[in-house]
C-alpha atoms as a PDB file:
ATOM      1  CA  MET A   1     -40.303  50.487 -40.778  1.00  0.00           C
ATOM      2  CA  ARG A   2     -38.403  47.523 -42.183  1.00  0.00           C
ATOM      3  CA  ARG A   3     -35.657  47.880 -39.587  1.00  0.00           C
ATOM      4  CA  LEU A   4     -38.208  47.823 -36.793  1.00  0.00           C
ATOM      5  CA  VAL A   5     -39.788  44.636 -38.174  1.00  0.00           C
ATOM      6  CA  THR A   6     -36.344  43.059 -38.519  1.00  0.00           C
ATOM      7  CA  LYS A   7     -35.404  44.052 -34.948  1.00  0.00           C
ATOM      8  CA  VAL A   8     -38.687  42.685 -33.580  1.00  0.00           C
ATOM      9  CA  THR A   9     -38.270  39.462 -35.569  1.00  0.00           C
ATOM     10  CA  VAL A  10     -34.689  38.985 -34.314  1.00  0.00           C
ATOM     11  CA  THR A  11     -35.762  39.795 -30.762  1.00  0.00           C
ATOM     12  CA  VAL A  12     -38.602  37.268 -30.923  1.00  0.00           C
ATOM     13  CA  HIS A  13     -36.251  34.601 -32.305  1.00  0.00           C
ATOM     14  CA  VAL A  14     -33.677  35.274 -29.606  1.00  0.00           C
ATOM     15  CA  ILE A  15     -36.277  35.242 -26.820  1.00  0.00           C
ATOM     16  CA  THR A  16     -37.758  32.010 -28.206  1.00  0.00           C
ATOM     17  CA  ALA A  17     -34.340  30.352 -28.472  1.00  0.00           C
ATOM     18  CA  VAL A  18     -33.338  31.391 -24.960  1.00  0.00           C
ATOM     19  CA  THR A  19     -36.687  30.306 -23.512  1.00  0.00           C
ATOM     20  CA  VAL A  20     -36.486  26.901 -25.197  1.00  0.00           C
ATOM     21  CA  HIS A  21     -32.900  26.456 -23.986  1.00  0.00           C
ATOM     22  CA  VAL A  22     -33.809  27.397 -20.400  1.00  0.00           C
ATOM     23  CA  ILE A  23     -36.840  25.093 -20.382  1.00  0.00           C
ATOM     24  CA  ARG A  24     -34.785  22.186 -21.739  1.00  0.00           C
ATOM     25  CA  SER A  25     -31.926  22.797 -19.305  1.00  0.00           C
ATOM     26  CA  VAL A  26     -34.169  23.152 -16.269  1.00  0.00           C
ATOM     27  CA  THR A  27     -36.221  20.115 -17.276  1.00  0.00           C
ATOM     28  CA  THR A  28     -33.080  18.025 -17.742  1.00  0.00           C
ATOM     29  CA  HIS A  29     -31.653  19.141 -14.396  1.00  0.00           C
ATOM     30  CA  VAL A  30     -34.920  18.488 -12.572  1.00  0.00           C
ATOM     31  CA  ILE A  31     -35.307  15.046 -14.120  1.00  0.00           C
ATOM     32  CA  SER A  32     -31.700  14.182 -13.239  1.00  0.00           C
ATOM     33  CA  ALA A  33     -32.069  15.426  -9.672  1.00  0.00           C
ATOM     34  CA  VAL A  34     -35.363  13.602  -9.102  1.00  0.00           C
ATOM     35  CA  THR A  35     -34.032  10.393 -10.662  1.00  0.00           C
ATOM     36  CA  THR A  36     -30.887  10.512  -8.528  1.00  0.00           C
ATOM     37  CA  HIS A  37     -32.955  11.163  -5.398  1.00  0.00           C
ATOM     38  CA  VAL A  38     -35.354   8.307  -6.125  1.00  0.00           C
ATOM     39  CA  ILE A  39     -32.483   5.898  -6.801  1.00  0.00           C
ATOM     40  CA  ARG A  40     -30.761   6.879  -3.549  1.00  0.00           C
ATOM     41  CA  VAL A  41     -33.943   6.535  -1.502  1.00  0.00           C
ATOM     42  CA  LEU A  42     -34.820   3.177  -3.034  1.00  0.00           C
ATOM     43  CA  THR A  43     -31.268   1.937  -2.527  1.00  0.00           C
ATOM     44  CA  MET A  44     -31.340   2.940   1.144  1.00  0.00           C
ATOM     45  CA  HIS A  45     -34.741   1.276   1.629  1.00  0.00           C
ATOM     46  CA  MET A  46     -33.503  -1.912  -0.021  1.00  0.00           C
ATOM     47  CA  ILE A  47     -30.319  -1.986   2.075  1.00  0.00           C
ATOM     48  CA  ARG A  48     -32.347  -1.387   5.240  1.00  0.00           C
ATOM     49  CA  ALA A  49     -34.917  -4.062   4.344  1.00  0.00           C
ATOM     50  CA  ILE A  50     -32.263  -6.643   3.474  1.00  0.00           C
ATOM     51  CA  THR A  51     -30.339  -5.886   6.679  1.00  0.00           C
ATOM     52  CA  VAL A  52     -33.474  -6.275   8.813  1.00  0.00           C
ATOM     53  CA  HIS A  53     -34.285  -9.534   7.045  1.00  0.00           C
ATOM     54  CA  VAL A  54     -30.780 -10.920   7.572  1.00  0.00           C
ATOM     55  CA  ILE A  55     -30.899  -9.991  11.271  1.00  0.00           C
ATOM     56  CA  ARG A  56     -34.296 -11.686  11.695  1.00  0.00           C
ATOM     57  CA  VAL A  57     -33.099 -14.843   9.945  1.00  0.00           C
ATOM     58  CA  ALA A  58     -29.939 -14.856  12.063  1.00  0.00           C
ATOM     59  CA  ARG A  59     -31.992 -14.540  15.255  1.00  0.00           C
ATOM     60  CA  ALA A  60     -34.310 -17.356  14.190  1.00  0.00           C
ATOM     61  CA  THR A  61     -31.348 -19.524  13.221  1.00  0.00           C
ATOM     62  CA  THR A  62     -29.677 -18.837  16.553  1.00  0.00           C
ATOM     63  CA  ARG A  63     -32.855 -19.795  18.411  1.00  0.00           C
ATOM     64  CA  VAL A  64     -33.129 -23.036  16.441  1.00  0.00           C
ATOM     65  CA  LEU A  65     -29.483 -23.880  17.088  1.00  0.00           C
ATOM     66  CA  VAL A  66     -29.908 -23.224  20.812  1.00  0.00           C
ATOM     67  CA  ILE A  67     -33.022 -25.425  20.894  1.00  0.00           C
ATOM     68  CA  VAL A  68     -31.200 -28.206  19.033  1.00  0.00           C
ATOM     69  CA  ARG A  69     -28.213 -27.932  21.369  1.00  0.00           C
ATOM     70  CA  VAL A  70     -30.391 -28.086  24.475  1.00  0.00           C
ATOM     71  CA  SER A  71     -32.309 -31.019  23.006  1.00  0.00           C
ATOM     72  CA  VAL A  72     -29.117 -32.908  22.181  1.00  0.00           C
ATOM     73  CA  ILE A  73     -27.763 -32.310  25.672  1.00  0.00           C
ATOM     74  CA  ALA A  74     -31.072 -33.395  27.214  1.00  0.00           C
ATOM     75  CA  CYS A  75     -31.239 -36.545  25.077  1.00  0.00           C
ATOM     76  CA  HIS A  76     -27.613 -37.365  25.786  1.00  0.00           C
ATOM     77  CA  THR A  77     -28.117 -36.832  29.507  1.00  0.00           C
ATOM     78  CA  ALA A  78     -31.294 -38.914  29.497  1.00  0.00           C
ATOM     79  CA  TYR A  79     -29.585 -41.703  27.562  1.00  0.00           C
ATOM     80  CA  ARG A  80     -26.578 -41.743  29.874  1.00  0.00           C
ATOM     81  CA  GLY A  81     -28.863 -41.782  32.883  1.00  0.00           C
ATOM     82  CA  THR A  82     -30.868 -44.686  31.441  1.00  0.00           C
ATOM     83  CA  ALA A  83     -27.695 -46.567  30.614  1.00  0.00           C
ATOM     84  CA  ASN A  84     -26.374 -46.048  34.112  1.00  0.00           C
ATOM     85  CA  ARG A  85     -29.638 -47.203  35.696  1.00  0.00           C
ATOM     86  CA  LEU A  86     -29.768 -50.286  33.526  1.00  0.00           C
ATOM     87  CA  ARG A  87     -26.087 -50.887  34.103  1.00  0.00           C
ATOM     88  CA  LEU A  88     -25.390 -51.083  30.414  1.00  0.00           C
ATOM     89  CA  LEU A  89     -22.218 -49.084  30.753  1.00  0.00           C
ATOM     90  CA  PRO A  90     -19.160 -50.584  32.436  1.00  0.00           C
END
């Protein structure tokens, strides 16, 4: 009878130890996998958002530069025309 109790006790201890080890291992692996996935997804979203923002700013800057260039040319042309009409230029 004592041997049976000892065998059952050892079996229960082994099963408990293995179960705890498996739960810890699986939990650690799942947490690592989920954390890695979340970091990758967030990194990709941040890169995409920053890229879109940079492109939008570049487009706006280009539009402003084109408007300034056209305005400068128009002002210069208008000034030269006025100067020619008033005969201020030789």
